[in-house]
Amino acid sequence: MTKIEEIATAALQQDSLQLRSLTQEYLRNNPMLEDVPRPETADERILSMSAALLELFAIRTDQRSPVWTAAIGPVKEPFFLLKSAAHMKRLRELCRTESPNPLRIRHFYAPPDYLTFV
């Protein structure tokens, strides 16, 4: 069964196909997002990305996110979740200004429609 850490890793690797596949499987198997336990990892980026994604999924599915996500802060370095943002100035600016709030507050940047299929 897919874990939130696997989804976070796919997002951080900017692997959009793997990210979509894992996310769809995850949401099918975890209908109650508020019950998802905190990942057991020392990797701050994976922990922060996991919290951001769970909050994003909760918003998009009209649920509560796990309580532990509120205590997870941002990563130190800003990170764009789309490879193309590295060389496309307008996309980079769109991501910086319009990224979904759970991502943006943790310094992850993506277009406003990031993972809207969930």
C-alpha atoms as a PDB file:
ATOM      1  CA  MET A   1       0.000   0.000   0.000  1.00  0.00           C
ATOM      2  CA  THR A   2       1.237   3.476  -0.882  1.00  0.00           C
ATOM      3  CA  LYS A   3       2.405   5.753   1.922  1.00  0.00           C
ATOM      4  CA  ILE A   4       2.310   9.542   1.942  1.00  0.00           C
ATOM      5  CA  GLU A   5       6.125   9.552   2.055  1.00  0.00           C
ATOM      6  CA  GLU A   6       6.214   7.818  -1.331  1.00  0.00           C
ATOM      7  CA  ILE A   7       3.971  10.491  -2.818  1.00  0.00           C
ATOM      8  CA  ALA A   8       6.092  13.230  -1.265  1.00  0.00           C
ATOM      9  CA  THR A   9       9.223  11.638  -2.714  1.00  0.00           C
ATOM     10  CA  ALA A  10       7.678  11.499  -6.205  1.00  0.00           C
ATOM     11  CA  ALA A  11       6.714  15.179  -5.900  1.00  0.00           C
ATOM     12  CA  LEU A  12      10.233  16.138  -4.800  1.00  0.00           C
ATOM     13  CA  GLN A  13      11.680  14.133  -7.695  1.00  0.00           C
ATOM     14  CA  GLN A  14       9.349  16.067 -10.009  1.00  0.00           C
ATOM     15  CA  ASP A  15       8.054  12.752 -11.364  1.00  0.00           C
ATOM     16  CA  SER A  16       4.544  13.770 -12.400  1.00  0.00           C
ATOM     17  CA  LEU A  17       3.450  10.387 -13.785  1.00  0.00           C
ATOM     18  CA  GLN A  18       4.495   8.525 -10.654  1.00  0.00           C
ATOM     19  CA  LEU A  19       2.989  11.291  -8.503  1.00  0.00           C
ATOM     20  CA  ARG A  20      -0.418  11.019 -10.192  1.00  0.00           C
ATOM     21  CA  SER A  21      -0.458   7.245 -10.028  1.00  0.00           C
ATOM     22  CA  LEU A  22       0.565   7.077  -6.376  1.00  0.00           C
ATOM     23  CA  THR A  23      -1.875   9.826  -5.411  1.00  0.00           C
ATOM     24  CA  GLN A  24      -4.842   8.141  -7.066  1.00  0.00           C
ATOM     25  CA  GLU A  25      -4.016   4.829  -5.394  1.00  0.00           C
ATOM     26  CA  TYR A  26      -3.440   6.528  -2.058  1.00  0.00           C
ATOM     27  CA  LEU A  27      -6.740   8.390  -2.054  1.00  0.00           C
ATOM     28  CA  ARG A  28      -8.645   5.250  -3.025  1.00  0.00           C
ATOM     29  CA  ASN A  29      -7.129   3.392  -0.055  1.00  0.00           C
ATOM     30  CA  ASN A  30      -7.154   6.228   2.510  1.00  0.00           C
ATOM     31  CA  PRO A  31     -10.584   7.825   2.503  1.00  0.00           C
ATOM     32  CA  MET A  32     -10.128   9.393   5.977  1.00  0.00           C
ATOM     33  CA  LEU A  33      -7.172  11.748   5.646  1.00  0.00           C
ATOM     34  CA  GLU A  34      -7.314  13.048   9.193  1.00  0.00           C
ATOM     35  CA  ASP A  35      -6.298   9.575  10.420  1.00  0.00           C
ATOM     36  CA  VAL A  36      -3.057   9.450   8.429  1.00  0.00           C
ATOM     37  CA  PRO A  37      -0.134   9.130  10.860  1.00  0.00           C
ATOM     38  CA  ARG A  38       2.909  11.380  10.776  1.00  0.00           C
ATOM     39  CA  PRO A  39       5.637   9.878   8.591  1.00  0.00           C
ATOM     40  CA  GLU A  40       8.535   8.337  10.460  1.00  0.00           C
ATOM     41  CA  THR A  41      11.349  10.138   8.687  1.00  0.00           C
ATOM     42  CA  ALA A  42      14.214  12.422   9.622  1.00  0.00           C
ATOM     43  CA  ASP A  43      14.093  14.023   6.161  1.00  0.00           C
ATOM     44  CA  GLU A  44      12.591  17.493   6.671  1.00  0.00           C
ATOM     45  CA  ARG A  45      11.738  17.886   2.987  1.00  0.00           C
ATOM     46  CA  ILE A  46       9.735  14.667   2.883  1.00  0.00           C
ATOM     47  CA  LEU A  47       7.973  15.528   6.137  1.00  0.00           C
ATOM     48  CA  SER A  48       7.115  19.041   4.958  1.00  0.00           C
ATOM     49  CA  MET A  49       5.979  17.824   1.540  1.00  0.00           C
ATOM     50  CA  SER A  50       3.874  15.095   3.158  1.00  0.00           C
ATOM     51  CA  ALA A  51       2.128  17.649   5.357  1.00  0.00           C
ATOM     52  CA  ALA A  52       1.558  20.011   2.433  1.00  0.00           C
ATOM     53  CA  LEU A  53       0.125  17.266   0.239  1.00  0.00           C
ATOM     54  CA  LEU A  54      -2.185  15.936   2.939  1.00  0.00           C
ATOM     55  CA  GLU A  55      -3.516  19.434   3.574  1.00  0.00           C
ATOM     56  CA  LEU A  56      -3.993  19.955  -0.167  1.00  0.00           C
ATOM     57  CA  PHE A  57      -5.811  16.620  -0.529  1.00  0.00           C
ATOM     58  CA  ALA A  58      -7.988  17.449   2.472  1.00  0.00           C
ATOM     59  CA  ILE A  59      -9.005  20.786   0.955  1.00  0.00           C
ATOM     60  CA  ARG A  60      -9.760  19.197  -2.403  1.00  0.00           C
ATOM     61  CA  THR A  61     -11.810  16.362  -0.879  1.00  0.00           C
ATOM     62  CA  ASP A  62     -13.556  18.541   1.730  1.00  0.00           C
ATOM     63  CA  GLN A  63     -12.016  16.779   4.716  1.00  0.00           C
ATOM     64  CA  ARG A  64      -9.918  17.622   7.736  1.00  0.00           C
ATOM     65  CA  SER A  65      -6.195  17.163   7.508  1.00  0.00           C
ATOM     66  CA  PRO A  66      -4.297  15.276  10.212  1.00  0.00           C
ATOM     67  CA  VAL A  67      -3.644  17.387  13.307  1.00  0.00           C
ATOM     68  CA  TRP A  68       0.123  16.846  13.072  1.00  0.00           C
ATOM     69  CA  THR A  69       0.385  18.722   9.751  1.00  0.00           C
ATOM     70  CA  ALA A  70      -0.185  22.085  11.454  1.00  0.00           C
ATOM     71  CA  ALA A  71       3.116  21.704  13.328  1.00  0.00           C
ATOM     72  CA  ILE A  72       5.198  21.125  10.193  1.00  0.00           C
ATOM     73  CA  GLY A  73       6.973  24.203   8.913  1.00  0.00           C
ATOM     74  CA  PRO A  74       8.529  25.166   5.596  1.00  0.00           C
ATOM     75  CA  VAL A  75      11.647  23.840   3.945  1.00  0.00           C
ATOM     76  CA  LYS A  76      14.716  26.087   4.052  1.00  0.00           C
ATOM     77  CA  GLU A  77      15.132  26.469   0.284  1.00  0.00           C
ATOM     78  CA  PRO A  78      12.220  27.234  -2.058  1.00  0.00           C
ATOM     79  CA  PHE A  79      11.431  24.308  -4.342  1.00  0.00           C
ATOM     80  CA  PHE A  80       9.485  24.307  -7.622  1.00  0.00           C
ATOM     81  CA  LEU A  81       7.519  21.138  -8.195  1.00  0.00           C
ATOM     82  CA  LEU A  82       7.628  21.454 -11.996  1.00  0.00           C
ATOM     83  CA  LYS A  83      10.968  21.037 -13.776  1.00  0.00           C
ATOM     84  CA  SER A  84       9.909  23.526 -16.446  1.00  0.00           C
ATOM     85  CA  ALA A  85       9.652  26.334 -13.869  1.00  0.00           C
ATOM     86  CA  ALA A  86      13.457  26.397 -13.777  1.00  0.00           C
ATOM     87  CA  HIS A  87      13.667  27.904 -17.259  1.00  0.00           C
ATOM     88  CA  MET A  88      10.215  29.422 -17.875  1.00  0.00           C
ATOM     89  CA  LYS A  89      10.029  32.797 -16.169  1.00  0.00           C
ATOM     90  CA  ARG A  90       6.241  33.246 -16.449  1.00  0.00           C
ATOM     91  CA  LEU A  91       5.550  29.763 -15.140  1.00  0.00           C
ATOM     92  CA  ARG A  92       7.964  30.312 -12.266  1.00  0.00           C
ATOM     93  CA  GLU A  93       6.191  33.571 -11.361  1.00  0.00           C
ATOM     94  CA  LEU A  94       2.762  31.927 -11.620  1.00  0.00           C
ATOM     95  CA  CYS A  95       3.940  29.152  -9.309  1.00  0.00           C
ATOM     96  CA  ARG A  96       5.417  31.637  -6.867  1.00  0.00           C
ATOM     97  CA  THR A  97       2.238  33.733  -6.635  1.00  0.00           C
ATOM     98  CA  GLU A  98      -0.563  31.216  -7.236  1.00  0.00           C
ATOM     99  CA  SER A  99       0.691  27.992  -5.669  1.00  0.00           C
ATOM    100  CA  PRO A 100      -1.946  26.301  -3.470  1.00  0.00           C
ATOM    101  CA  ASN A 101      -1.591  27.613   0.067  1.00  0.00           C
ATOM    102  CA  PRO A 102      -0.584  24.323   1.771  1.00  0.00           C
ATOM    103  CA  LEU A 103       2.364  24.147  -0.636  1.00  0.00           C
ATOM    104  CA  ARG A 104       3.264  27.840  -0.663  1.00  0.00           C
ATOM    105  CA  ILE A 105       3.435  28.219   3.120  1.00  0.00           C
ATOM    106  CA  ARG A 106       6.040  25.448   3.139  1.00  0.00           C
ATOM    107  CA  HIS A 107       8.039  27.019   0.271  1.00  0.00           C
ATOM    108  CA  PHE A 108       6.898  24.535  -2.366  1.00  0.00           C
ATOM    109  CA  TYR A 109       5.726  26.126  -5.589  1.00  0.00           C
ATOM    110  CA  ALA A 110       3.404  24.743  -8.253  1.00  0.00           C
ATOM    111  CA  PRO A 111       0.676  26.065 -10.548  1.00  0.00           C
ATOM    112  CA  PRO A 112      -2.724  26.714  -8.939  1.00  0.00           C
ATOM    113  CA  ASP A 113      -4.202  23.603 -10.592  1.00  0.00           C
ATOM    114  CA  TYR A 114      -1.502  21.265  -9.235  1.00  0.00           C
ATOM    115  CA  LEU A 115      -3.074  17.839  -8.579  1.00  0.00           C
ATOM    116  CA  THR A 116      -6.609  19.110  -9.201  1.00  0.00           C
ATOM    117  CA  PHE A 117      -7.701  15.664 -10.318  1.00  0.00           C
ATOM    118  CA  VAL A 118      -7.833  14.567  -6.667  1.00  0.00           C
END
